[in-house]
Amino acid sequence: MSKRRFAVIGHPIGHTMSPFIHQRLFELAGQDGEYTVMDVPPEELGAAMKELDALAGYNITIPNKQRIIPLLDRLDSRAQLYGSVNTVCNGSVRTGYTTDPDGFLKALEHGSIPLAGNVVILGCGGAARTFAFEAVQAGCRVTVAARPGSRARQEALAGEIREKLGGAEVSCCLLTDISGEYDLLINGTPVGMYPEVNGIPVSEKALSKCACVFDAVYNPLRTRLIEAAAANGSRAVGGMSMLVWQAVAAHRIWDGSEYDPQDIAQLAEDSAKEQARRF
């Protein structure tokens, strides 16, 4: 029997950790899978479908998470809600899924961070959109905080949430205007990501009033935001756990594999070390 083949596609995609993570997941599940990287610019996505169709499945990262949708046969309900796909399972039909919400929720769960109460989300892009929708669905009161130049996108996100999720408690403010106490602050911006590791997306004064912090940035493992939150005594979790858990969700889709949480915690730690060694 030939080895099942998988890949991650995006552009640019030189610093991806996906092959390391997914190969380990295949090994942990006793699956004989091969995972590679494909650099596919948006304008070449259609032409790449023949090659992608030869795979058992694949992951999609920026800038193709929305662009892949018209090329698929169906979407699961969550991918429809988000209008975003990061995992495809090939078979009789091309089916698109989004596992980012799974990764986010599992990262919080295993970091002992409750998704409840007052939540402030930094940013209004793709990652922040996932966090905002999941927080509202969990019954949270959500504030979306963004830069002045993102006001239109910020308001559009809040409006979409209210439209799709009736009764949603969601408001908007500027990053510089965050005030009051929050049960959870979530960073959905790239601020603090390598190589600009000294960046922090919110003032330390605002941060001091947040009981818990989740930073979607996973390179470096401990961002300045995470360090500042920990210094305040806040429970803080970085993005590597989310990255690994969303990969776990993809394997559940592809072959039904289940994993020991301790193995996944070890994989997140090993992935962080490998990332530091490579980049």
C-alpha atoms as a PDB file:
ATOM      1  CA  MET A   1       0.000   0.000   0.000  1.00  0.00           C
ATOM      2  CA  SER A   2       1.455   3.406  -1.000  1.00  0.00           C
ATOM      3  CA  LYS A   3       2.144   6.020   1.637  1.00  0.00           C
ATOM      4  CA  ARG A   4      -0.639   8.583   2.059  1.00  0.00           C
ATOM      5  CA  ARG A   5       0.538  12.048   1.111  1.00  0.00           C
ATOM      6  CA  PHE A   6      -0.341  15.374   2.732  1.00  0.00           C
ATOM      7  CA  ALA A   7       0.948  18.946   2.515  1.00  0.00           C
ATOM      8  CA  VAL A   8       0.593  22.519   3.701  1.00  0.00           C
ATOM      9  CA  ILE A   9       0.106  25.251   1.113  1.00  0.00           C
ATOM     10  CA  GLY A  10       0.633  28.986   1.471  1.00  0.00           C
ATOM     11  CA  HIS A  11       2.765  31.888   0.263  1.00  0.00           C
ATOM     12  CA  PRO A  12       5.361  32.619   1.482  1.00  0.00           C
ATOM     13  CA  ILE A  13       5.796  29.520   3.586  1.00  0.00           C
ATOM     14  CA  GLY A  14       9.485  29.204   4.398  1.00  0.00           C
ATOM     15  CA  HIS A  15       9.173  29.263   8.196  1.00  0.00           C
ATOM     16  CA  THR A  16       6.330  26.790   8.651  1.00  0.00           C
ATOM     17  CA  MET A  17       6.484  24.277  11.497  1.00  0.00           C
ATOM     18  CA  SER A  18       3.723  22.135   9.978  1.00  0.00           C
ATOM     19  CA  PRO A  19       5.896  19.284   8.605  1.00  0.00           C
ATOM     20  CA  PHE A  20       7.598  18.791  11.979  1.00  0.00           C
ATOM     21  CA  ILE A  21       4.284  18.779  13.857  1.00  0.00           C
ATOM     22  CA  HIS A  22       2.309  16.612  11.433  1.00  0.00           C
ATOM     23  CA  GLN A  23       5.037  13.999  10.952  1.00  0.00           C
ATOM     24  CA  ARG A  24       5.165  13.570  14.730  1.00  0.00           C
ATOM     25  CA  LEU A  25       1.384  13.224  14.825  1.00  0.00           C
ATOM     26  CA  PHE A  26       1.515  10.504  12.166  1.00  0.00           C
ATOM     27  CA  GLU A  27       4.133   8.679  14.230  1.00  0.00           C
ATOM     28  CA  LEU A  28       2.137   9.001  17.461  1.00  0.00           C
ATOM     29  CA  ALA A  29      -0.950   7.581  15.712  1.00  0.00           C
ATOM     30  CA  GLY A  30       0.959   4.770  14.004  1.00  0.00           C
ATOM     31  CA  GLN A  31      -0.011   6.188  10.601  1.00  0.00           C
ATOM     32  CA  ASP A  32       2.253   5.964   7.550  1.00  0.00           C
ATOM     33  CA  GLY A  33       1.888   9.496   6.223  1.00  0.00           C
ATOM     34  CA  GLU A  34       4.184  11.838   4.322  1.00  0.00           C
ATOM     35  CA  TYR A  35       3.841  15.596   4.834  1.00  0.00           C
ATOM     36  CA  THR A  36       5.436  18.209   2.583  1.00  0.00           C
ATOM     37  CA  VAL A  37       5.377  21.962   1.897  1.00  0.00           C
ATOM     38  CA  MET A  38       3.979  23.620  -1.243  1.00  0.00           C
ATOM     39  CA  ASP A  39       4.526  27.315  -1.925  1.00  0.00           C
ATOM     40  CA  VAL A  40       1.387  28.287  -3.855  1.00  0.00           C
ATOM     41  CA  PRO A  41       0.813  31.994  -4.635  1.00  0.00           C
ATOM     42  CA  PRO A  42      -2.885  32.969  -4.791  1.00  0.00           C
ATOM     43  CA  GLU A  43      -2.833  33.460  -8.555  1.00  0.00           C
ATOM     44  CA  GLU A  44      -1.561  29.880  -9.033  1.00  0.00           C
ATOM     45  CA  LEU A  45      -4.068  28.189  -6.724  1.00  0.00           C
ATOM     46  CA  GLY A  46      -6.404  27.040  -9.491  1.00  0.00           C
ATOM     47  CA  ALA A  47      -3.554  25.553 -11.496  1.00  0.00           C
ATOM     48  CA  ALA A  48      -2.304  23.702  -8.401  1.00  0.00           C
ATOM     49  CA  MET A  49      -5.605  21.857  -7.794  1.00  0.00           C
ATOM     50  CA  LYS A  50      -4.637  18.837  -9.908  1.00  0.00           C
ATOM     51  CA  GLU A  51      -1.567  18.313  -7.728  1.00  0.00           C
ATOM     52  CA  LEU A  52      -3.565  18.957  -4.563  1.00  0.00           C
ATOM     53  CA  ASP A  53      -6.244  16.478  -5.620  1.00  0.00           C
ATOM     54  CA  ALA A  54      -3.576  13.748  -5.657  1.00  0.00           C
ATOM     55  CA  LEU A  55      -3.089  14.226  -1.902  1.00  0.00           C
ATOM     56  CA  ALA A  56      -5.137  12.526   0.804  1.00  0.00           C
ATOM     57  CA  GLY A  57      -5.525  15.925   2.437  1.00  0.00           C
ATOM     58  CA  TYR A  58      -3.797  19.238   2.988  1.00  0.00           C
ATOM     59  CA  ASN A  59      -3.649  22.336   5.165  1.00  0.00           C
ATOM     60  CA  ILE A  60      -3.984  25.910   3.967  1.00  0.00           C
ATOM     61  CA  THR A  61      -2.408  28.993   5.468  1.00  0.00           C
ATOM     62  CA  ILE A  62      -2.290  32.652   4.460  1.00  0.00           C
ATOM     63  CA  PRO A  63      -3.136  34.004   1.937  1.00  0.00           C
ATOM     64  CA  ASN A  64      -5.277  31.119   0.630  1.00  0.00           C
ATOM     65  CA  LYS A  65      -7.750  30.353   3.452  1.00  0.00           C
ATOM     66  CA  GLN A  66     -10.589  32.169   1.704  1.00  0.00           C
ATOM     67  CA  ARG A  67      -9.388  31.782  -1.878  1.00  0.00           C
ATOM     68  CA  ILE A  68      -9.559  27.978  -1.682  1.00  0.00           C
ATOM     69  CA  ILE A  69     -13.305  27.981  -0.950  1.00  0.00           C
ATOM     70  CA  PRO A  70     -14.659  28.345  -4.535  1.00  0.00           C
ATOM     71  CA  LEU A  71     -12.452  25.425  -5.585  1.00  0.00           C
ATOM     72  CA  LEU A  72     -13.956  22.973  -3.058  1.00  0.00           C
ATOM     73  CA  ASP A  73     -17.084  20.832  -3.353  1.00  0.00           C
ATOM     74  CA  ARG A  74     -18.430  21.403   0.154  1.00  0.00           C
ATOM     75  CA  LEU A  75     -17.676  23.045   3.498  1.00  0.00           C
ATOM     76  CA  ASP A  76     -18.485  21.791   6.962  1.00  0.00           C
ATOM     77  CA  SER A  77     -20.752  24.018   9.069  1.00  0.00           C
ATOM     78  CA  ARG A  78     -17.945  25.727  10.960  1.00  0.00           C
ATOM     79  CA  ALA A  79     -16.020  26.580   7.784  1.00  0.00           C
ATOM     80  CA  GLN A  80     -19.259  28.038   6.408  1.00  0.00           C
ATOM     81  CA  LEU A  81     -19.725  30.172   9.520  1.00  0.00           C
ATOM     82  CA  TYR A  82     -16.177  31.499   9.393  1.00  0.00           C
ATOM     83  CA  GLY A  83     -15.819  31.719   5.618  1.00  0.00           C
ATOM     84  CA  SER A  84     -12.344  30.261   6.066  1.00  0.00           C
ATOM     85  CA  VAL A  85     -10.717  26.883   5.408  1.00  0.00           C
ATOM     86  CA  ASN A  86      -7.404  25.612   6.776  1.00  0.00           C
ATOM     87  CA  THR A  87      -7.888  21.855   6.239  1.00  0.00           C
ATOM     88  CA  VAL A  88      -9.095  19.878   3.235  1.00  0.00           C
ATOM     89  CA  CYS A  89      -9.947  16.186   3.138  1.00  0.00           C
ATOM     90  CA  ASN A  90      -9.939  14.658  -0.334  1.00  0.00           C
ATOM     91  CA  GLY A  91     -12.140  11.729  -1.253  1.00  0.00           C
ATOM     92  CA  SER A  92     -15.168  11.492  -3.471  1.00  0.00           C
ATOM     93  CA  VAL A  93     -15.537  15.241  -2.820  1.00  0.00           C
ATOM     94  CA  ARG A  94     -13.156  17.992  -1.726  1.00  0.00           C
ATOM     95  CA  THR A  95     -14.352  18.998   1.752  1.00  0.00           C
ATOM     96  CA  GLY A  96     -13.100  22.088   3.567  1.00  0.00           C
ATOM     97  CA  TYR A  97     -12.853  22.531   7.333  1.00  0.00           C
ATOM     98  CA  THR A  98     -11.455  25.064   9.761  1.00  0.00           C
ATOM     99  CA  THR A  99      -9.603  23.622  12.748  1.00  0.00           C
ATOM    100  CA  ASP A 100      -8.370  26.961  14.127  1.00  0.00           C
ATOM    101  CA  PRO A 101     -11.307  27.159  16.585  1.00  0.00           C
ATOM    102  CA  ASP A 102     -10.511  23.633  17.843  1.00  0.00           C
ATOM    103  CA  GLY A 103      -6.883  24.601  18.397  1.00  0.00           C
ATOM    104  CA  PHE A 104      -7.867  27.778  20.231  1.00  0.00           C
ATOM    105  CA  LEU A 105     -10.350  26.077  22.552  1.00  0.00           C
ATOM    106  CA  LYS A 106      -7.997  23.187  23.349  1.00  0.00           C
ATOM    107  CA  ALA A 107      -5.120  25.580  24.054  1.00  0.00           C
ATOM    108  CA  LEU A 108      -7.279  27.427  26.574  1.00  0.00           C
ATOM    109  CA  GLU A 109      -8.576  24.189  28.099  1.00  0.00           C
ATOM    110  CA  HIS A 110      -5.138  22.687  28.625  1.00  0.00           C
ATOM    111  CA  GLY A 111      -3.801  26.025  29.835  1.00  0.00           C
ATOM    112  CA  SER A 112      -6.576  26.108  32.479  1.00  0.00           C
ATOM    113  CA  ILE A 113      -7.944  29.374  31.060  1.00  0.00           C
ATOM    114  CA  PRO A 114     -11.753  29.644  31.072  1.00  0.00           C
ATOM    115  CA  LEU A 115     -13.464  31.261  28.088  1.00  0.00           C
ATOM    116  CA  ALA A 116     -15.996  33.216  30.129  1.00  0.00           C
ATOM    117  CA  GLY A 117     -16.962  36.649  31.367  1.00  0.00           C
ATOM    118  CA  ASN A 118     -15.516  39.857  29.903  1.00  0.00           C
ATOM    119  CA  VAL A 119     -13.107  39.235  27.035  1.00  0.00           C
ATOM    120  CA  VAL A 120     -11.059  41.763  25.075  1.00  0.00           C
ATOM    121  CA  ILE A 121      -9.671  40.694  21.711  1.00  0.00           C
ATOM    122  CA  LEU A 122      -6.797  42.597  20.135  1.00  0.00           C
ATOM    123  CA  GLY A 123      -7.075  42.917  16.372  1.00  0.00           C
ATOM    124  CA  CYS A 124      -9.787  42.240  13.816  1.00  0.00           C
ATOM    125  CA  GLY A 125      -8.055  40.020  11.232  1.00  0.00           C
ATOM    126  CA  GLY A 126      -8.480  36.297  10.589  1.00  0.00           C
ATOM    127  CA  ALA A 127      -7.206  35.026  13.946  1.00  0.00           C
ATOM    128  CA  ALA A 128      -9.086  37.665  15.923  1.00  0.00           C
ATOM    129  CA  ARG A 129     -12.235  36.795  13.991  1.00  0.00           C
ATOM    130  CA  THR A 130     -11.995  33.183  15.157  1.00  0.00           C
ATOM    131  CA  PHE A 131     -11.460  34.241  18.758  1.00  0.00           C
ATOM    132  CA  ALA A 132     -14.353  36.701  18.699  1.00  0.00           C
ATOM    133  CA  PHE A 133     -16.851  34.220  17.257  1.00  0.00           C
ATOM    134  CA  GLU A 134     -15.839  31.483  19.708  1.00  0.00           C
ATOM    135  CA  ALA A 135     -15.960  33.843  22.690  1.00  0.00           C
ATOM    136  CA  VAL A 136     -19.447  35.074  21.787  1.00  0.00           C
ATOM    137  CA  GLN A 137     -20.669  31.501  21.280  1.00  0.00           C
ATOM    138  CA  ALA A 138     -19.310  30.664  24.738  1.00  0.00           C
ATOM    139  CA  GLY A 139     -21.499  33.425  26.194  1.00  0.00           C
ATOM    140  CA  CYS A 140     -18.766  36.020  26.738  1.00  0.00           C
ATOM    141  CA  ARG A 141     -19.135  39.780  26.568  1.00  0.00           C
ATOM    142  CA  VAL A 142     -16.624  40.705  23.891  1.00  0.00           C
ATOM    143  CA  THR A 143     -14.728  43.898  23.152  1.00  0.00           C
ATOM    144  CA  VAL A 144     -12.807  44.058  19.870  1.00  0.00           C
ATOM    145  CA  ALA A 145      -9.862  46.463  20.157  1.00  0.00           C
ATOM    146  CA  ALA A 146      -7.959  47.673  17.102  1.00  0.00           C
ATOM    147  CA  ARG A 147      -5.848  50.476  15.642  1.00  0.00           C
ATOM    148  CA  PRO A 148      -7.531  53.625  14.276  1.00  0.00           C
ATOM    149  CA  GLY A 149      -6.787  52.553  10.697  1.00  0.00           C
ATOM    150  CA  SER A 150      -8.726  49.325  11.202  1.00  0.00           C
ATOM    151  CA  ARG A 151     -11.951  50.951  12.379  1.00  0.00           C
ATOM    152  CA  ALA A 152     -13.973  49.902   9.305  1.00  0.00           C
ATOM    153  CA  ARG A 153     -12.845  46.258   9.542  1.00  0.00           C
ATOM    154  CA  GLN A 154     -13.432  46.283  13.282  1.00  0.00           C
ATOM    155  CA  GLU A 155     -16.997  47.528  12.932  1.00  0.00           C
ATOM    156  CA  ALA A 156     -17.639  45.095  10.074  1.00  0.00           C
ATOM    157  CA  LEU A 157     -16.526  42.169  12.257  1.00  0.00           C
ATOM    158  CA  ALA A 158     -18.743  43.258  15.144  1.00  0.00           C
ATOM    159  CA  GLY A 159     -21.683  43.678  12.763  1.00  0.00           C
ATOM    160  CA  GLU A 160     -21.158  40.253  11.213  1.00  0.00           C
ATOM    161  CA  ILE A 161     -21.060  38.609  14.634  1.00  0.00           C
ATOM    162  CA  ARG A 162     -24.294  40.327  15.671  1.00  0.00           C
ATOM    163  CA  GLU A 163     -25.929  39.290  12.401  1.00  0.00           C
ATOM    164  CA  LYS A 164     -24.858  35.641  12.514  1.00  0.00           C
ATOM    165  CA  LEU A 165     -25.100  35.124  16.275  1.00  0.00           C
ATOM    166  CA  GLY A 166     -28.276  36.695  17.610  1.00  0.00           C
ATOM    167  CA  GLY A 167     -27.965  38.322  21.007  1.00  0.00           C
ATOM    168  CA  ALA A 168     -24.191  38.732  20.769  1.00  0.00           C
ATOM    169  CA  GLU A 169     -22.685  41.171  23.270  1.00  0.00           C
ATOM    170  CA  VAL A 170     -19.874  42.717  21.230  1.00  0.00           C
ATOM    171  CA  SER A 171     -18.471  46.244  21.272  1.00  0.00           C
ATOM    172  CA  CYS A 172     -15.465  48.046  19.783  1.00  0.00           C
ATOM    173  CA  CYS A 173     -12.724  50.338  21.038  1.00  0.00           C
ATOM    174  CA  LEU A 174      -9.222  51.495  20.126  1.00  0.00           C
ATOM    175  CA  LEU A 175      -6.238  49.585  21.477  1.00  0.00           C
ATOM    176  CA  THR A 176      -5.226  52.736  23.333  1.00  0.00           C
ATOM    177  CA  ASP A 177      -8.664  53.049  24.927  1.00  0.00           C
ATOM    178  CA  ILE A 178      -8.897  49.645  26.603  1.00  0.00           C
ATOM    179  CA  SER A 179     -10.173  50.206  30.127  1.00  0.00           C
ATOM    180  CA  GLY A 180     -11.790  48.249  32.915  1.00  0.00           C
ATOM    181  CA  GLU A 181     -11.173  44.720  34.122  1.00  0.00           C
ATOM    182  CA  TYR A 182     -11.214  41.661  31.862  1.00  0.00           C
ATOM    183  CA  ASP A 183     -11.321  37.971  32.596  1.00  0.00           C
ATOM    184  CA  LEU A 184      -9.329  37.265  29.447  1.00  0.00           C
ATOM    185  CA  LEU A 185      -7.241  39.255  26.978  1.00  0.00           C
ATOM    186  CA  ILE A 186      -6.563  37.578  23.629  1.00  0.00           C
ATOM    187  CA  ASN A 187      -3.930  38.837  21.211  1.00  0.00           C
ATOM    188  CA  GLY A 188      -4.989  38.205  17.614  1.00  0.00           C
ATOM    189  CA  THR A 189      -2.397  40.589  16.138  1.00  0.00           C
ATOM    190  CA  PRO A 190       1.126  39.734  14.918  1.00  0.00           C
ATOM    191  CA  VAL A 191       2.678  42.251  17.333  1.00  0.00           C
ATOM    192  CA  GLY A 192       5.572  40.629  19.174  1.00  0.00           C
ATOM    193  CA  MET A 193       6.212  38.030  16.466  1.00  0.00           C
ATOM    194  CA  TYR A 194       9.757  37.212  15.348  1.00  0.00           C
ATOM    195  CA  PRO A 195      11.801  39.148  14.323  1.00  0.00           C
ATOM    196  CA  GLU A 196      10.074  42.157  16.002  1.00  0.00           C
ATOM    197  CA  VAL A 197      10.165  40.411  19.372  1.00  0.00           C
ATOM    198  CA  ASN A 198      10.172  43.580  21.498  1.00  0.00           C
ATOM    199  CA  GLY A 199       6.690  44.599  20.397  1.00  0.00           C
ATOM    200  CA  ILE A 200       3.732  44.489  22.766  1.00  0.00           C
ATOM    201  CA  PRO A 201       0.214  45.174  21.462  1.00  0.00           C
ATOM    202  CA  VAL A 202      -1.293  46.782  24.565  1.00  0.00           C
ATOM    203  CA  SER A 203      -0.103  48.942  27.444  1.00  0.00           C
ATOM    204  CA  GLU A 204       1.119  47.179  30.547  1.00  0.00           C
ATOM    205  CA  LYS A 205      -1.369  49.290  32.540  1.00  0.00           C
ATOM    206  CA  ALA A 206      -4.285  47.764  30.599  1.00  0.00           C
ATOM    207  CA  LEU A 207      -2.679  44.345  30.829  1.00  0.00           C
ATOM    208  CA  SER A 208      -2.492  44.591  34.628  1.00  0.00           C
ATOM    209  CA  LYS A 209      -6.300  44.440  34.788  1.00  0.00           C
ATOM    210  CA  CYS A 210      -6.593  41.157  32.855  1.00  0.00           C
ATOM    211  CA  ALA A 211      -6.874  37.939  34.853  1.00  0.00           C
ATOM    212  CA  CYS A 212      -5.746  35.688  31.973  1.00  0.00           C
ATOM    213  CA  VAL A 213      -3.916  36.221  28.672  1.00  0.00           C
ATOM    214  CA  PHE A 214      -3.751  34.188  25.479  1.00  0.00           C
ATOM    215  CA  ASP A 215      -1.268  35.233  22.789  1.00  0.00           C
ATOM    216  CA  ALA A 216      -1.742  33.625  19.371  1.00  0.00           C
ATOM    217  CA  VAL A 217       1.875  34.457  18.472  1.00  0.00           C
ATOM    218  CA  TYR A 218       4.002  31.301  18.747  1.00  0.00           C
ATOM    219  CA  ASN A 219       7.410  32.576  17.644  1.00  0.00           C
ATOM    220  CA  PRO A 220       8.939  33.345  20.092  1.00  0.00           C
ATOM    221  CA  LEU A 221       7.447  30.869  22.530  1.00  0.00           C
ATOM    222  CA  ARG A 222       7.266  33.496  25.288  1.00  0.00           C
ATOM    223  CA  THR A 223       6.445  36.893  23.816  1.00  0.00           C
ATOM    224  CA  ARG A 224       6.882  40.150  25.657  1.00  0.00           C
ATOM    225  CA  LEU A 225       3.103  40.095  26.194  1.00  0.00           C
ATOM    226  CA  ILE A 226       3.281  36.663  27.850  1.00  0.00           C
ATOM    227  CA  GLU A 227       6.237  37.717  30.007  1.00  0.00           C
ATOM    228  CA  ALA A 228       4.474  40.897  31.146  1.00  0.00           C
ATOM    229  CA  ALA A 229       1.262  39.024  31.923  1.00  0.00           C
ATOM    230  CA  ALA A 230       3.127  36.403  33.938  1.00  0.00           C
ATOM    231  CA  ALA A 231       4.946  39.137  35.854  1.00  0.00           C
ATOM    232  CA  ASN A 232       1.525  40.537  36.812  1.00  0.00           C
ATOM    233  CA  GLY A 233       0.494  37.155  38.166  1.00  0.00           C
ATOM    234  CA  SER A 234      -1.915  36.516  35.300  1.00  0.00           C
ATOM    235  CA  ARG A 235      -2.340  33.032  33.857  1.00  0.00           C
ATOM    236  CA  ALA A 236      -0.784  33.237  30.383  1.00  0.00           C
ATOM    237  CA  VAL A 237      -0.638  30.842  27.410  1.00  0.00           C
ATOM    238  CA  GLY A 238       1.212  31.290  24.118  1.00  0.00           C
ATOM    239  CA  GLY A 239       0.238  30.256  20.604  1.00  0.00           C
ATOM    240  CA  MET A 240       2.323  27.106  20.123  1.00  0.00           C
ATOM    241  CA  SER A 241      -0.271  25.013  21.953  1.00  0.00           C
ATOM    242  CA  MET A 242      -2.987  26.289  19.592  1.00  0.00           C
ATOM    243  CA  LEU A 243      -0.814  25.515  16.558  1.00  0.00           C
ATOM    244  CA  VAL A 244      -0.341  21.913  17.661  1.00  0.00           C
ATOM    245  CA  TRP A 245      -3.956  21.338  18.720  1.00  0.00           C
ATOM    246  CA  GLN A 246      -5.330  22.644  15.413  1.00  0.00           C
ATOM    247  CA  ALA A 247      -3.044  20.114  13.699  1.00  0.00           C
ATOM    248  CA  VAL A 248      -4.456  17.389  15.962  1.00  0.00           C
ATOM    249  CA  ALA A 249      -7.961  18.342  14.799  1.00  0.00           C
ATOM    250  CA  ALA A 250      -6.853  17.964  11.171  1.00  0.00           C
ATOM    251  CA  HIS A 251      -5.645  14.415  11.842  1.00  0.00           C
ATOM    252  CA  ARG A 252      -8.970  13.587  13.474  1.00  0.00           C
ATOM    253  CA  ILE A 253     -10.628  14.661  10.214  1.00  0.00           C
ATOM    254  CA  TRP A 254      -8.185  12.794   7.976  1.00  0.00           C
ATOM    255  CA  ASP A 255      -7.994   9.461   9.781  1.00  0.00           C
ATOM    256  CA  GLY A 256      -9.905   9.617  13.068  1.00  0.00           C
ATOM    257  CA  SER A 257      -6.736   9.624  15.189  1.00  0.00           C
ATOM    258  CA  GLU A 258      -6.964  10.421  18.893  1.00  0.00           C
ATOM    259  CA  TYR A 259      -4.048  11.501  21.079  1.00  0.00           C
ATOM    260  CA  ASP A 260      -2.978  11.555  24.718  1.00  0.00           C
ATOM    261  CA  PRO A 261      -2.956  15.190  25.932  1.00  0.00           C
ATOM    262  CA  GLN A 262       0.418  14.567  27.580  1.00  0.00           C
ATOM    263  CA  ASP A 263       1.857  13.568  24.204  1.00  0.00           C
ATOM    264  CA  ILE A 264       0.479  16.760  22.670  1.00  0.00           C
ATOM    265  CA  ALA A 265       1.929  18.879  25.481  1.00  0.00           C
ATOM    266  CA  GLN A 266       5.307  17.262  24.830  1.00  0.00           C
ATOM    267  CA  LEU A 267       4.939  17.867  21.093  1.00  0.00           C
ATOM    268  CA  ALA A 268       4.229  21.567  21.729  1.00  0.00           C
ATOM    269  CA  GLU A 269       7.373  21.787  23.852  1.00  0.00           C
ATOM    270  CA  ASP A 270       9.453  19.937  21.255  1.00  0.00           C
ATOM    271  CA  SER A 271       8.043  22.118  18.470  1.00  0.00           C
ATOM    272  CA  ALA A 272       9.083  25.243  20.358  1.00  0.00           C
ATOM    273  CA  LYS A 273      12.614  23.894  20.740  1.00  0.00           C
ATOM    274  CA  GLU A 274      12.782  22.934  17.066  1.00  0.00           C
ATOM    275  CA  GLN A 275      11.487  26.362  16.070  1.00  0.00           C
ATOM    276  CA  ALA A 276      14.171  28.069  18.172  1.00  0.00           C
ATOM    277  CA  ARG A 277      16.852  25.815  16.628  1.00  0.00           C
ATOM    278  CA  ARG A 278      15.752  26.542  13.054  1.00  0.00           C
ATOM    279  CA  PHE A 279      14.704  30.152  13.124  1.00  0.00           C
END
